[in-house]
PDB file of all heavy atoms in Angstrom:
ATOM      1  N   ALA A   1     112.333  99.916  99.409  1.00  0.00           N
ATOM      2  CA  ALA A   1     113.014  98.619  99.499  1.00  0.00           C
ATOM      3  C   ALA A   1     113.296  98.191 100.939  1.00  0.00           C
ATOM      4  O   ALA A   1     113.115  97.006 101.349  1.00  0.00           O
ATOM      5  CB  ALA A   1     114.383  98.650  98.747  1.00  0.00           C
ATOM      6  N   PHE A   2     113.647  99.200 101.790  1.00  0.00           N
ATOM      7  CA  PHE A   2     113.928  98.849 103.195  1.00  0.00           C
ATOM      8  C   PHE A   2     112.538  98.438 103.960  1.00  0.00           C
ATOM      9  O   PHE A   2     112.533  97.425 104.619  1.00  0.00           O
ATOM     10  CB  PHE A   2     114.523 100.068 103.955  1.00  0.00           C
ATOM     11  CG  PHE A   2     116.014 100.026 103.831  1.00  0.00           C
ATOM     12  CD1 PHE A   2     116.618 100.656 102.816  1.00  0.00           C
ATOM     13  CD2 PHE A   2     116.743  99.543 104.884  1.00  0.00           C
ATOM     14  CE1 PHE A   2     118.090 100.716 102.795  1.00  0.00           C
ATOM     15  CE2 PHE A   2     118.078  99.458 104.828  1.00  0.00           C
ATOM     16  CZ  PHE A   2     118.830 100.202 103.870  1.00  0.00           C
ATOM     17  N   ALA A   3     111.456  99.216 103.641  1.00  0.00           N
ATOM     18  CA  ALA A   3     110.175  98.800 104.254  1.00  0.00           C
ATOM     19  C   ALA A   3     109.762  97.427 103.742  1.00  0.00           C
ATOM     20  O   ALA A   3     109.230  96.683 104.605  1.00  0.00           O
ATOM     21  CB  ALA A   3     109.203  99.911 103.820  1.00  0.00           C
ATOM     22  N   GLY A   4     109.937  97.174 102.497  1.00  0.00           N
ATOM     23  CA  GLY A   4     109.524  95.783 102.019  1.00  0.00           C
ATOM     24  C   GLY A   4     110.308  94.656 102.680  1.00  0.00           C
ATOM     25  O   GLY A   4     109.755  93.627 102.991  1.00  0.00           O
ATOM     26  N   THR A   5     111.631  94.852 102.790  1.00  0.00           N
ATOM     27  CA  THR A   5     112.523  93.824 103.403  1.00  0.00           C
ATOM     28  C   THR A   5     112.123  93.646 104.830  1.00  0.00           C
ATOM     29  O   THR A   5     111.927  92.481 105.310  1.00  0.00           O
ATOM     30  CB  THR A   5     113.952  94.290 103.305  1.00  0.00           C
ATOM     31  OG1 THR A   5     114.348  94.504 101.948  1.00  0.00           O
ATOM     32  CG2 THR A   5     114.877  93.204 103.989  1.00  0.00           C
ATOM     33  N   LEU A   6     111.915  94.642 105.585  1.00  0.00           N
ATOM     34  CA  LEU A   6     111.430  94.515 107.020  1.00  0.00           C
ATOM     35  C   LEU A   6     110.161  93.730 107.115  1.00  0.00           C
ATOM     36  O   LEU A   6     109.999  92.883 107.951  1.00  0.00           O
ATOM     37  CB  LEU A   6     111.336  95.912 107.627  1.00  0.00           C
ATOM     38  CG  LEU A   6     110.987  95.886 109.105  1.00  0.00           C
ATOM     39  CD1 LEU A   6     112.002  95.152 109.981  1.00  0.00           C
ATOM     40  CD2 LEU A   6     110.839  97.321 109.623  1.00  0.00           C
ATOM     41  N   THR A   7     109.196  94.119 106.217  1.00  0.00           N
ATOM     42  CA  THR A   7     107.884  93.404 106.190  1.00  0.00           C
ATOM     43  C   THR A   7     108.057  91.974 105.926  1.00  0.00           C
ATOM     44  O   THR A   7     107.356  91.127 106.547  1.00  0.00           O
ATOM     45  CB  THR A   7     106.964  94.075 105.198  1.00  0.00           C
ATOM     46  OG1 THR A   7     106.949  95.497 105.463  1.00  0.00           O
ATOM     47  CG2 THR A   7     105.563  93.460 105.251  1.00  0.00           C
ATOM     48  N   ILE A   8     108.839  91.561 104.971  1.00  0.00           N
ATOM     49  CA  ILE A   8     109.105  90.135 104.646  1.00  0.00           C
ATOM     50  C   ILE A   8     109.627  89.433 105.938  1.00  0.00           C
ATOM     51  O   ILE A   8     109.301  88.256 106.136  1.00  0.00           O
ATOM     52  CB  ILE A   8     110.044  90.033 103.461  1.00  0.00           C
ATOM     53  CG1 ILE A   8     109.277  90.542 102.188  1.00  0.00           C
ATOM     54  CG2 ILE A   8     110.569  88.663 103.278  1.00  0.00           C
ATOM     55  CD1 ILE A   8     110.176  90.702 101.006  1.00  0.00           C
ATOM     56  N   VAL A   9     110.537  90.044 106.576  1.00  0.00           N
ATOM     57  CA  VAL A   9     111.262  89.375 107.731  1.00  0.00           C
ATOM     58  C   VAL A   9     110.286  89.154 108.849  1.00  0.00           C
ATOM     59  O   VAL A   9     110.315  88.058 109.504  1.00  0.00           O
ATOM     60  CB  VAL A   9     112.476  90.117 108.140  1.00  0.00           C
ATOM     61  CG1 VAL A   9     113.064  89.611 109.471  1.00  0.00           C
ATOM     62  CG2 VAL A   9     113.570  90.142 107.073  1.00  0.00           C
ATOM     63  N   ILE A  10     109.485  90.174 109.124  1.00  0.00           N
ATOM     64  CA  ILE A  10     108.594  90.002 110.269  1.00  0.00           C
ATOM     65  C   ILE A  10     107.272  89.312 110.055  1.00  0.00           C
ATOM     66  O   ILE A  10     106.568  88.843 110.929  1.00  0.00           O
ATOM     67  CB  ILE A  10     108.233  91.397 110.872  1.00  0.00           C
ATOM     68  CG1 ILE A  10     107.386  92.229 109.893  1.00  0.00           C
ATOM     69  CG2 ILE A  10     109.558  92.122 111.312  1.00  0.00           C
ATOM     70  CD1 ILE A  10     107.005  93.555 110.538  1.00  0.00           C
ATOM     71  N   ALA A  11     106.903  89.127 108.786  1.00  0.00           N
ATOM     72  CA  ALA A  11     105.688  88.450 108.364  1.00  0.00           C
ATOM     73  C   ALA A  11     105.444  87.003 109.121  1.00  0.00           C
ATOM     74  O   ALA A  11     104.431  86.778 109.592  1.00  0.00           O
ATOM     75  CB  ALA A  11     105.569  88.266 106.893  1.00  0.00           C
ATOM     76  N   PRO A  12     106.547  86.142 109.151  1.00  0.00           N
ATOM     77  CA  PRO A  12     106.353  84.882 109.840  1.00  0.00           C
ATOM     78  C   PRO A  12     105.979  85.036 111.275  1.00  0.00           C
ATOM     79  O   PRO A  12     105.412  84.043 111.829  1.00  0.00           O
ATOM     80  CB  PRO A  12     107.701  84.156 109.613  1.00  0.00           C
ATOM     81  CG  PRO A  12     108.341  84.869 108.497  1.00  0.00           C
ATOM     82  CD  PRO A  12     107.916  86.281 108.539  1.00  0.00           C
ATOM     83  N   PHE A  13     106.360  86.048 111.972  1.00  0.00           N
ATOM     84  CA  PHE A  13     106.120  86.295 113.381  1.00  0.00           C
ATOM     85  C   PHE A  13     104.789  86.963 113.609  1.00  0.00           C
ATOM     86  O   PHE A  13     104.433  87.133 114.781  1.00  0.00           O
ATOM     87  CB  PHE A  13     107.255  87.046 113.891  1.00  0.00           C
ATOM     88  CG  PHE A  13     108.582  86.430 113.781  1.00  0.00           C
ATOM     89  CD1 PHE A  13     109.493  86.950 112.726  1.00  0.00           C
ATOM     90  CD2 PHE A  13     109.036  85.290 114.508  1.00  0.00           C
ATOM     91  CE1 PHE A  13     110.730  86.380 112.512  1.00  0.00           C
ATOM     92  CE2 PHE A  13     110.267  84.730 114.241  1.00  0.00           C
ATOM     93  CZ  PHE A  13     111.138  85.241 113.285  1.00  0.00           C
ATOM     94  N   LEU A  14     104.138  87.328 112.550  1.00  0.00           N
ATOM     95  CA  LEU A  14     102.798  88.096 112.749  1.00  0.00           C
ATOM     96  C   LEU A  14     101.692  87.309 112.112  1.00  0.00           C
ATOM     97  O   LEU A  14     100.779  87.807 111.603  1.00  0.00           O
ATOM     98  CB  LEU A  14     102.898  89.455 112.093  1.00  0.00           C
ATOM     99  CG  LEU A  14     104.011  90.443 112.722  1.00  0.00           C
ATOM    100  CD1 LEU A  14     104.003  91.709 112.135  1.00  0.00           C
ATOM    101  CD2 LEU A  14     103.639  90.638 114.226  1.00  0.00           C
ATOM    102  N   GLY A  15     101.843  85.912 112.030  1.00  0.00           N
ATOM    103  CA  GLY A  15     100.722  85.093 111.598  1.00  0.00           C
ATOM    104  C   GLY A  15     100.784  84.788 110.085  1.00  0.00           C
ATOM    105  O   GLY A  15      99.732  84.388 109.581  1.00  0.00           O
ATOM    106  N   ALA A  16     101.924  84.898 109.385  1.00  0.00           N
ATOM    107  CA  ALA A  16     101.962  84.460 107.987  1.00  0.00           C
ATOM    108  C   ALA A  16     101.550  83.007 107.911  1.00  0.00           C
ATOM    109  O   ALA A  16     101.876  82.100 108.679  1.00  0.00           O
ATOM    110  CB  ALA A  16     103.419  84.706 107.448  1.00  0.00           C
ATOM    111  N   GLY A  17     100.840  82.727 106.830  1.00  0.00           N
ATOM    112  CA  GLY A  17     100.256  81.463 106.632  1.00  0.00           C
ATOM    113  C   GLY A  17     101.115  80.275 106.060  1.00  0.00           C
ATOM    114  O   GLY A  17     102.361  80.419 106.280  1.00  0.00           O
ATOM    115  N   GLU A  18     100.575  79.387 105.481  1.00  0.00           N
ATOM    116  CA  GLU A  18     101.263  78.178 104.946  1.00  0.00           C
ATOM    117  C   GLU A  18     102.348  78.504 103.944  1.00  0.00           C
ATOM    118  O   GLU A  18     102.116  79.236 103.009  1.00  0.00           O
ATOM    119  CB  GLU A  18     100.214  77.210 104.236  1.00  0.00           C
ATOM    120  CG  GLU A  18     100.834  76.018 103.721  1.00  0.00           C
ATOM    121  CD  GLU A  18     101.199  74.952 104.794  1.00  0.00           C
ATOM    122  OE1 GLU A  18     100.785  75.082 105.931  1.00  0.00           O
ATOM    123  OE2 GLU A  18     102.095  74.135 104.507  1.00  0.00           O
ATOM    124  N   PRO A  19     103.572  78.048 104.172  1.00  0.00           N
ATOM    125  CA  PRO A  19     104.649  78.250 103.205  1.00  0.00           C
ATOM    126  C   PRO A  19     104.470  77.491 101.865  1.00  0.00           C
ATOM    127  O   PRO A  19     104.113  76.374 101.915  1.00  0.00           O
ATOM    128  CB  PRO A  19     105.890  77.791 103.933  1.00  0.00           C
ATOM    129  CG  PRO A  19     105.431  76.782 104.896  1.00  0.00           C
ATOM    130  CD  PRO A  19     104.082  77.249 105.315  1.00  0.00           C
ATOM    131  N   LEU A  20     104.759  78.216 100.835  1.00  0.00           N
ATOM    132  CA  LEU A  20     104.661  77.612  99.445  1.00  0.00           C
ATOM    133  C   LEU A  20     106.012  77.657  98.823  1.00  0.00           C
ATOM    134  O   LEU A  20     106.609  78.703  98.645  1.00  0.00           O
ATOM    135  CB  LEU A  20     103.667  78.347  98.642  1.00  0.00           C
ATOM    136  CG  LEU A  20     102.222  78.481  99.091  1.00  0.00           C
ATOM    137  CD1 LEU A  20     101.394  79.402  98.260  1.00  0.00           C
ATOM    138  CD2 LEU A  20     101.594  77.214  99.293  1.00  0.00           C
ATOM    139  N   LEU A  21     106.542  76.455  98.504  1.00  0.00           N
ATOM    140  CA  LEU A  21     107.892  76.364  98.087  1.00  0.00           C
ATOM    141  C   LEU A  21     107.979  76.333  96.495  1.00  0.00           C
ATOM    142  O   LEU A  21     108.645  75.495  95.844  1.00  0.00           O
ATOM    143  CB  LEU A  21     108.651  75.057  98.569  1.00  0.00           C
ATOM    144  CG  LEU A  21     108.647  74.987 100.101  1.00  0.00           C
ATOM    145  CD1 LEU A  21     109.465  73.785 100.544  1.00  0.00           C
ATOM    146  CD2 LEU A  21     109.274  76.256 100.703  1.00  0.00           C
ATOM    147  N   ASN A  22     107.295  77.295  95.886  1.00  0.00           N
ATOM    148  CA  ASN A  22     107.420  77.470  94.402  1.00  0.00           C
ATOM    149  C   ASN A  22     108.801  78.029  94.108  1.00  0.00           C
ATOM    150  O   ASN A  22     109.459  78.588  94.979  1.00  0.00           O
ATOM    151  CB  ASN A  22     106.331  78.420  93.920  1.00  0.00           C
ATOM    152  CG  ASN A  22     106.324  79.672  94.749  1.00  0.00           C
ATOM    153  OD1 ASN A  22     105.841  79.737  95.777  1.00  0.00           O
ATOM    154  ND2 ASN A  22     106.829  80.772  94.162  1.00  0.00           N
ATOM    155  N   ASN A  23     109.159  77.920  92.893  1.00  0.00           N
ATOM    156  CA  ASN A  23     110.426  78.351  92.422  1.00  0.00           C
ATOM    157  C   ASN A  23     110.629  79.877  92.385  1.00  0.00           C
ATOM    158  O   ASN A  23     109.632  80.623  92.235  1.00  0.00           O
ATOM    159  CB  ASN A  23     110.793  77.735  91.084  1.00  0.00           C
ATOM    160  CG  ASN A  23     111.148  76.299  91.111  1.00  0.00           C
ATOM    161  OD1 ASN A  23     112.245  75.891  91.654  1.00  0.00           O
ATOM    162  ND2 ASN A  23     110.248  75.416  90.642  1.00  0.00           N
ATOM    163  N   TYR A  24     111.839  80.343  92.539  1.00  0.00           N
ATOM    164  CA  TYR A  24     112.284  81.677  92.420  1.00  0.00           C
ATOM    165  C   TYR A  24     111.891  82.666  93.527  1.00  0.00           C
ATOM    166  O   TYR A  24     112.699  83.201  94.210  1.00  0.00           O
ATOM    167  CB  TYR A  24     111.853  82.332  91.002  1.00  0.00           C
ATOM    168  CG  TYR A  24     112.655  81.776  89.957  1.00  0.00           C
ATOM    169  CD1 TYR A  24     112.123  80.987  89.024  1.00  0.00           C
ATOM    170  CD2 TYR A  24     113.990  82.066  89.852  1.00  0.00           C
ATOM    171  CE1 TYR A  24     112.869  80.442  87.940  1.00  0.00           C
ATOM    172  CE2 TYR A  24     114.826  81.540  88.851  1.00  0.00           C
ATOM    173  CZ  TYR A  24     114.230  80.689  87.848  1.00  0.00           C
ATOM    174  OH  TYR A  24     114.999  80.150  86.939  1.00  0.00           O
ATOM    175  N   VAL A  25     110.647  82.775  93.782  1.00  0.00           N
ATOM    176  CA  VAL A  25     110.126  83.561  94.906  1.00  0.00           C
ATOM    177  C   VAL A  25     109.220  82.828  95.709  1.00  0.00           C
ATOM    178  O   VAL A  25     107.954  82.973  95.547  1.00  0.00           O
ATOM    179  CB  VAL A  25     109.390  84.995  94.384  1.00  0.00           C
ATOM    180  CG1 VAL A  25     109.177  85.779  95.621  1.00  0.00           C
ATOM    181  CG2 VAL A  25     110.392  85.691  93.399  1.00  0.00           C
ATOM    182  N   PRO A  26     109.616  81.954  96.590  1.00  0.00           N
ATOM    183  CA  PRO A  26     108.677  81.153  97.456  1.00  0.00           C
ATOM    184  C   PRO A  26     107.864  82.118  98.300  1.00  0.00           C
ATOM    185  O   PRO A  26     108.352  83.192  98.657  1.00  0.00           O
ATOM    186  CB  PRO A  26     109.700  80.290  98.286  1.00  0.00           C
ATOM    187  CG  PRO A  26     110.999  80.990  98.282  1.00  0.00           C
ATOM    188  CD  PRO A  26     111.052  81.702  96.929  1.00  0.00           C
ATOM    189  N   MET A  27     106.748  81.704  98.661  1.00  0.00           N
ATOM    190  CA  MET A  27     105.773  82.574  99.328  1.00  0.00           C
ATOM    191  C   MET A  27     105.280  82.085 100.643  1.00  0.00           C
ATOM    192  O   MET A  27     105.276  80.869 100.977  1.00  0.00           O
ATOM    193  CB  MET A  27     104.531  82.704  98.380  1.00  0.00           C
ATOM    194  CG  MET A  27     104.856  83.202  96.933  1.00  0.00           C
ATOM    195  SD  MET A  27     105.399  84.882  96.961  1.00  0.00           S
ATOM    196  CE  MET A  27     103.913  85.703  97.423  1.00  0.00           C
TER     197      MET A  27
END
């Protein structure tokens, strides 16, 4: 859980692509 959370947070700063504003779990 900690590893997953850290990965989610740093993803935008490591080239994460286009944001998708779908419901519940936006991607």
